[in-house]
Amino acid sequence: MTSLDPAIADRLKRTAEGLVPAVVQQHDTGEVLMLGWMDDEALARTMATGRATYWSRSRQEYWIKGDTSGHVQWVKEVRLDCDGDTLLVKVDQVGAACHTGDRTCFDADLVHDGA
């Protein structure tokens, strides 16, 4: 088990399940890739290893992005929003970010185009 810095842990506002949403963005283009969920352990592992680690709500286990797919996320920086309830994880994405094989999880379904 990896420990999260108490100064960071104290700032986090978690869901009832102890999770914080993590918006994942390509570090150099700003492209939004996906949304994952992190608890204190996942965030600590992410910062310690430089590989994005999430909590799978469906499987109830930790997963390191790319361990099975090869589509690794190399973490460049992690930011906490002003309210402490959302993380921004800037990564260098290798391959597809989405489990469907798309580059991002937001490619498939345009629901409004502003027109």
N, C-alpha and C. Protein backbone atom coordinates (compact mmCIF):
# COMPACT_ATOMS: atom_id res chain seq x y z
N MET A 1 0.84 -1.19 0.00
CA MET A 1 0.00 0.00 0.00
C MET A 1 0.88 1.24 0.00
N THR A 2 0.52 2.20 -0.85
CA THR A 2 1.25 3.46 -0.96
C THR A 2 0.46 4.54 -0.24
N SER A 3 1.15 5.40 0.48
CA SER A 3 0.47 6.44 1.25
C SER A 3 0.42 7.75 0.46
N LEU A 4 -0.72 8.38 0.53
CA LEU A 4 -0.89 9.69 -0.08
C LEU A 4 -0.44 10.75 0.91
N ASP A 5 0.27 11.74 0.42
CA ASP A 5 0.72 12.85 1.25
C ASP A 5 -0.49 13.42 2.00
N PRO A 6 -0.43 13.49 3.33
CA PRO A 6 -1.57 14.01 4.11
C PRO A 6 -2.02 15.41 3.69
N ALA A 7 -1.10 16.24 3.24
CA ALA A 7 -1.47 17.60 2.81
C ALA A 7 -2.37 17.55 1.58
N ILE A 8 -2.14 16.57 0.71
CA ILE A 8 -3.00 16.39 -0.46
C ILE A 8 -4.31 15.71 -0.05
N ALA A 9 -4.20 14.67 0.75
CA ALA A 9 -5.38 13.92 1.20
C ALA A 9 -6.38 14.82 1.91
N ASP A 10 -5.89 15.76 2.69
CA ASP A 10 -6.78 16.67 3.42
C ASP A 10 -7.57 17.59 2.50
N ARG A 11 -7.06 17.84 1.31
CA ARG A 11 -7.74 18.75 0.37
C ARG A 11 -8.80 18.04 -0.47
N LEU A 12 -8.75 16.71 -0.55
CA LEU A 12 -9.67 15.97 -1.41
C LEU A 12 -11.08 15.91 -0.84
N LYS A 13 -12.05 16.15 -1.69
CA LYS A 13 -13.46 15.95 -1.35
C LYS A 13 -13.91 14.74 -2.14
N ARG A 14 -14.20 13.66 -1.45
CA ARG A 14 -14.49 12.38 -2.07
C ARG A 14 -15.99 12.10 -2.11
N THR A 15 -16.39 11.20 -3.02
CA THR A 15 -17.76 10.70 -3.03
C THR A 15 -17.96 9.83 -1.79
N ALA A 16 -19.18 9.38 -1.59
CA ALA A 16 -19.49 8.49 -0.47
C ALA A 16 -18.65 7.20 -0.54
N GLU A 17 -18.23 6.84 -1.75
CA GLU A 17 -17.43 5.63 -1.94
C GLU A 17 -15.93 5.89 -1.77
N GLY A 18 -15.58 7.15 -1.46
CA GLY A 18 -14.18 7.50 -1.25
C GLY A 18 -13.42 7.80 -2.52
N LEU A 19 -14.15 8.14 -3.58
CA LEU A 19 -13.53 8.35 -4.89
C LEU A 19 -13.56 9.82 -5.31
N VAL A 20 -12.61 10.15 -6.19
CA VAL A 20 -12.54 11.48 -6.79
C VAL A 20 -12.47 11.28 -8.31
N PRO A 21 -13.30 12.00 -9.07
CA PRO A 21 -13.20 11.88 -10.53
C PRO A 21 -11.89 12.47 -11.03
N ALA A 22 -11.31 11.80 -12.02
CA ALA A 22 -10.04 12.25 -12.61
C ALA A 22 -10.26 12.45 -14.11
N VAL A 23 -10.26 13.71 -14.53
CA VAL A 23 -10.34 14.04 -15.94
C VAL A 23 -8.94 13.86 -16.51
N VAL A 24 -8.83 13.09 -17.59
CA VAL A 24 -7.53 12.78 -18.16
C VAL A 24 -7.38 13.51 -19.49
N GLN A 25 -6.27 14.22 -19.62
CA GLN A 25 -6.03 15.10 -20.76
C GLN A 25 -4.64 14.83 -21.34
N GLN A 26 -4.55 14.85 -22.67
CA GLN A 26 -3.25 14.75 -23.33
C GLN A 26 -2.46 16.01 -22.99
N HIS A 27 -1.27 15.85 -22.45
CA HIS A 27 -0.52 16.98 -21.89
C HIS A 27 -0.13 18.04 -22.90
N ASP A 28 0.15 17.67 -24.15
CA ASP A 28 0.66 18.66 -25.10
C ASP A 28 -0.39 19.27 -26.02
N THR A 29 -1.52 18.59 -26.19
CA THR A 29 -2.55 19.11 -27.09
C THR A 29 -3.79 19.61 -26.35
N GLY A 30 -3.96 19.19 -25.10
CA GLY A 30 -5.15 19.56 -24.34
C GLY A 30 -6.35 18.68 -24.63
N GLU A 31 -6.20 17.69 -25.51
CA GLU A 31 -7.29 16.79 -25.86
C GLU A 31 -7.78 16.04 -24.61
N VAL A 32 -9.09 16.08 -24.36
CA VAL A 32 -9.66 15.35 -23.23
C VAL A 32 -9.81 13.89 -23.65
N LEU A 33 -9.21 12.99 -22.89
CA LEU A 33 -9.15 11.59 -23.27
C LEU A 33 -10.20 10.72 -22.60
N MET A 34 -10.39 10.90 -21.30
CA MET A 34 -11.28 10.01 -20.57
C MET A 34 -11.55 10.56 -19.18
N LEU A 35 -12.42 9.87 -18.48
CA LEU A 35 -12.68 10.14 -17.07
C LEU A 35 -12.46 8.84 -16.33
N GLY A 36 -11.67 8.89 -15.28
CA GLY A 36 -11.46 7.73 -14.43
C GLY A 36 -11.77 8.11 -13.00
N TRP A 37 -11.68 7.15 -12.12
CA TRP A 37 -11.94 7.39 -10.70
C TRP A 37 -10.73 6.97 -9.90
N MET A 38 -10.36 7.79 -8.92
CA MET A 38 -9.23 7.50 -8.05
C MET A 38 -9.64 7.62 -6.59
N ASP A 39 -9.10 6.72 -5.79
CA ASP A 39 -9.16 6.92 -4.35
C ASP A 39 -7.76 7.33 -3.91
N ASP A 40 -7.54 7.45 -2.62
CA ASP A 40 -6.23 7.91 -2.14
C ASP A 40 -5.11 6.99 -2.61
N GLU A 41 -5.35 5.69 -2.57
CA GLU A 41 -4.34 4.71 -2.97
C GLU A 41 -4.01 4.83 -4.45
N ALA A 42 -5.03 4.94 -5.29
CA ALA A 42 -4.79 5.07 -6.73
C ALA A 42 -4.01 6.34 -7.05
N LEU A 43 -4.36 7.43 -6.40
CA LEU A 43 -3.65 8.69 -6.61
C LEU A 43 -2.20 8.57 -6.14
N ALA A 44 -2.00 7.97 -4.99
CA ALA A 44 -0.63 7.79 -4.48
C ALA A 44 0.19 6.92 -5.42
N ARG A 45 -0.40 5.83 -5.91
CA ARG A 45 0.31 4.95 -6.86
C ARG A 45 0.65 5.70 -8.15
N THR A 46 -0.30 6.49 -8.63
CA THR A 46 -0.09 7.27 -9.85
C THR A 46 1.11 8.20 -9.69
N MET A 47 1.16 8.91 -8.58
CA MET A 47 2.23 9.87 -8.37
C MET A 47 3.57 9.17 -8.10
N ALA A 48 3.53 8.00 -7.47
CA ALA A 48 4.77 7.29 -7.15
C ALA A 48 5.38 6.61 -8.38
N THR A 49 4.54 6.13 -9.29
CA THR A 49 5.03 5.33 -10.41
C THR A 49 5.11 6.09 -11.73
N GLY A 50 4.34 7.19 -11.85
CA GLY A 50 4.28 7.91 -13.12
C GLY A 50 3.39 7.24 -14.15
N ARG A 51 2.65 6.22 -13.72
CA ARG A 51 1.67 5.54 -14.58
C ARG A 51 0.29 5.75 -13.97
N ALA A 52 -0.67 6.10 -14.81
CA ALA A 52 -2.03 6.37 -14.32
C ALA A 52 -2.66 5.09 -13.78
N THR A 53 -3.10 5.17 -12.54
CA THR A 53 -3.74 4.06 -11.84
C THR A 53 -5.12 4.51 -11.37
N TYR A 54 -6.11 3.69 -11.61
CA TYR A 54 -7.50 4.04 -11.29
C TYR A 54 -8.15 2.96 -10.44
N TRP A 55 -9.30 3.33 -9.87
CA TRP A 55 -10.14 2.36 -9.18
C TRP A 55 -11.28 2.01 -10.12
N SER A 56 -11.41 0.73 -10.44
CA SER A 56 -12.51 0.28 -11.29
C SER A 56 -13.74 0.07 -10.44
N ARG A 57 -14.76 0.86 -10.70
CA ARG A 57 -16.00 0.73 -9.94
C ARG A 57 -16.73 -0.56 -10.30
N SER A 58 -16.61 -1.02 -11.53
CA SER A 58 -17.30 -2.25 -11.93
C SER A 58 -16.59 -3.51 -11.42
N ARG A 59 -15.27 -3.50 -11.46
CA ARG A 59 -14.51 -4.68 -11.03
C ARG A 59 -14.08 -4.62 -9.56
N GLN A 60 -14.22 -3.43 -8.96
CA GLN A 60 -13.83 -3.23 -7.56
C GLN A 60 -12.37 -3.60 -7.32
N GLU A 61 -11.50 -3.07 -8.22
CA GLU A 61 -10.07 -3.30 -8.09
C GLU A 61 -9.30 -2.18 -8.78
N TYR A 62 -8.01 -2.09 -8.43
CA TYR A 62 -7.15 -1.10 -9.07
C TYR A 62 -6.76 -1.60 -10.46
N TRP A 63 -6.60 -0.66 -11.37
CA TRP A 63 -6.07 -1.00 -12.70
C TRP A 63 -5.13 0.09 -13.16
N ILE A 64 -4.03 -0.35 -13.70
CA ILE A 64 -3.03 0.55 -14.25
C ILE A 64 -3.29 0.62 -15.74
N LYS A 65 -3.59 1.81 -16.22
CA LYS A 65 -3.92 2.00 -17.63
C LYS A 65 -2.80 1.47 -18.50
N GLY A 66 -3.13 0.53 -19.38
CA GLY A 66 -2.18 -0.01 -20.33
C GLY A 66 -1.60 -1.36 -19.95
N ASP A 67 -1.84 -1.83 -18.73
CA ASP A 67 -1.26 -3.13 -18.34
C ASP A 67 -1.73 -4.28 -19.22
N THR A 68 -2.99 -4.25 -19.65
CA THR A 68 -3.47 -5.33 -20.52
C THR A 68 -3.53 -4.91 -21.97
N SER A 69 -3.79 -3.63 -22.24
CA SER A 69 -3.96 -3.16 -23.62
C SER A 69 -2.66 -2.66 -24.26
N GLY A 70 -1.70 -2.28 -23.44
CA GLY A 70 -0.51 -1.64 -23.95
C GLY A 70 -0.68 -0.15 -24.18
N HIS A 71 -1.88 0.37 -23.94
CA HIS A 71 -2.19 1.79 -24.14
C HIS A 71 -1.91 2.57 -22.85
N VAL A 72 -0.65 2.76 -22.59
CA VAL A 72 -0.15 3.32 -21.34
C VAL A 72 -0.40 4.82 -21.27
N GLN A 73 -0.64 5.28 -20.05
CA GLN A 73 -0.69 6.72 -19.78
C GLN A 73 0.49 7.09 -18.89
N TRP A 74 1.44 7.82 -19.47
CA TRP A 74 2.59 8.32 -18.71
C TRP A 74 2.20 9.67 -18.12
N VAL A 75 2.18 9.77 -16.83
CA VAL A 75 1.69 10.97 -16.15
C VAL A 75 2.74 12.07 -16.17
N LYS A 76 2.31 13.22 -16.67
CA LYS A 76 3.18 14.41 -16.72
C LYS A 76 2.92 15.33 -15.53
N GLU A 77 1.65 15.47 -15.15
CA GLU A 77 1.31 16.27 -13.96
C GLU A 77 -0.08 15.91 -13.49
N VAL A 78 -0.33 16.19 -12.21
CA VAL A 78 -1.65 16.00 -11.61
C VAL A 78 -2.01 17.30 -10.93
N ARG A 79 -3.22 17.78 -11.21
CA ARG A 79 -3.71 19.02 -10.60
C ARG A 79 -5.01 18.73 -9.86
N LEU A 80 -5.25 19.51 -8.83
CA LEU A 80 -6.49 19.44 -8.06
C LEU A 80 -7.27 20.72 -8.32
N ASP A 81 -8.56 20.59 -8.59
CA ASP A 81 -9.34 21.81 -8.86
C ASP A 81 -9.54 22.62 -7.58
N CYS A 82 -10.08 23.82 -7.74
CA CYS A 82 -10.19 24.77 -6.63
C CYS A 82 -11.06 24.26 -5.49
N ASP A 83 -12.03 23.38 -5.79
CA ASP A 83 -12.91 22.84 -4.75
C ASP A 83 -12.37 21.57 -4.12
N GLY A 84 -11.35 20.98 -4.73
CA GLY A 84 -10.78 19.74 -4.19
C GLY A 84 -11.59 18.50 -4.53
N ASP A 85 -12.54 18.65 -5.49
CA ASP A 85 -13.40 17.51 -5.78
C ASP A 85 -13.18 16.88 -7.16
N THR A 86 -12.18 17.35 -7.89
CA THR A 86 -11.86 16.79 -9.21
C THR A 86 -10.37 16.90 -9.46
N LEU A 87 -9.82 15.83 -10.02
CA LEU A 87 -8.41 15.82 -10.42
C LEU A 87 -8.30 16.02 -11.92
N LEU A 88 -7.23 16.69 -12.34
CA LEU A 88 -6.88 16.78 -13.74
C LEU A 88 -5.54 16.06 -13.88
N VAL A 89 -5.55 14.99 -14.68
CA VAL A 89 -4.34 14.20 -14.87
C VAL A 89 -3.87 14.42 -16.30
N LYS A 90 -2.73 15.07 -16.44
CA LYS A 90 -2.17 15.32 -17.77
C LYS A 90 -1.18 14.22 -18.08
N VAL A 91 -1.39 13.57 -19.23
CA VAL A 91 -0.62 12.37 -19.56
C VAL A 91 -0.05 12.45 -20.97
N ASP A 92 0.89 11.56 -21.23
CA ASP A 92 1.31 11.26 -22.58
C ASP A 92 0.67 9.91 -22.89
N GLN A 93 -0.39 9.93 -23.69
CA GLN A 93 -1.18 8.74 -24.01
C GLN A 93 -0.50 7.95 -25.13
N VAL A 94 -0.29 6.66 -24.90
CA VAL A 94 0.22 5.75 -25.91
C VAL A 94 -0.96 4.94 -26.43
N GLY A 95 -1.31 5.11 -27.70
CA GLY A 95 -2.45 4.38 -28.25
C GLY A 95 -3.77 4.97 -27.82
N ALA A 96 -4.79 4.13 -27.84
CA ALA A 96 -6.16 4.55 -27.52
C ALA A 96 -6.34 4.73 -26.02
N ALA A 97 -7.10 5.75 -25.65
CA ALA A 97 -7.44 5.94 -24.24
C ALA A 97 -8.71 5.20 -23.88
N CYS A 98 -9.62 5.07 -24.84
CA CYS A 98 -10.93 4.47 -24.57
C CYS A 98 -10.88 2.95 -24.71
N HIS A 99 -11.64 2.27 -23.87
CA HIS A 99 -11.69 0.80 -23.92
C HIS A 99 -12.30 0.29 -25.23
N THR A 100 -12.96 1.18 -25.99
CA THR A 100 -13.55 0.78 -27.28
C THR A 100 -12.51 0.78 -28.40
N GLY A 101 -11.32 1.32 -28.09
CA GLY A 101 -10.27 1.42 -29.11
C GLY A 101 -10.18 2.80 -29.74
N ASP A 102 -11.10 3.71 -29.39
CA ASP A 102 -11.04 5.09 -29.88
C ASP A 102 -9.94 5.86 -29.15
N ARG A 103 -9.43 6.88 -29.81
CA ARG A 103 -8.39 7.71 -29.21
C ARG A 103 -8.86 8.31 -27.89
N THR A 104 -10.09 8.83 -27.86
CA THR A 104 -10.66 9.37 -26.63
C THR A 104 -12.03 8.74 -26.39
N CYS A 105 -12.49 8.86 -25.18
CA CYS A 105 -13.83 8.35 -24.84
C CYS A 105 -14.92 9.31 -25.29
N PHE A 106 -14.53 10.46 -25.84
CA PHE A 106 -15.50 11.47 -26.23
C PHE A 106 -15.62 11.63 -27.74
N ASP A 107 -15.13 10.66 -28.52
CA ASP A 107 -15.20 10.71 -29.98
C ASP A 107 -16.55 10.26 -30.55
N ALA A 108 -17.23 9.37 -29.87
CA ALA A 108 -18.32 8.62 -30.48
C ALA A 108 -19.67 9.32 -30.55
N ASP A 109 -19.99 10.16 -29.59
CA ASP A 109 -21.38 10.56 -29.44
C ASP A 109 -21.56 12.05 -29.22
N LEU A 110 -21.63 12.82 -30.31
CA LEU A 110 -21.89 14.25 -30.22
C LEU A 110 -23.37 14.45 -29.90
N VAL A 111 -23.65 15.08 -28.77
CA VAL A 111 -25.05 15.30 -28.38
C VAL A 111 -25.51 16.74 -28.58
N HIS A 112 -24.55 17.66 -28.83
CA HIS A 112 -24.90 19.05 -29.11
C HIS A 112 -23.68 19.72 -29.73
N ASP A 113 -23.90 20.47 -30.80
CA ASP A 113 -22.77 21.11 -31.47
C ASP A 113 -22.78 22.63 -31.37
N GLY A 114 -23.71 23.20 -30.61
CA GLY A 114 -23.75 24.64 -30.40
C GLY A 114 -24.41 25.42 -31.52
N ALA A 115 -24.88 24.73 -32.52
CA ALA A 115 -25.51 25.43 -33.67
C ALA A 115 -26.97 25.71 -33.41
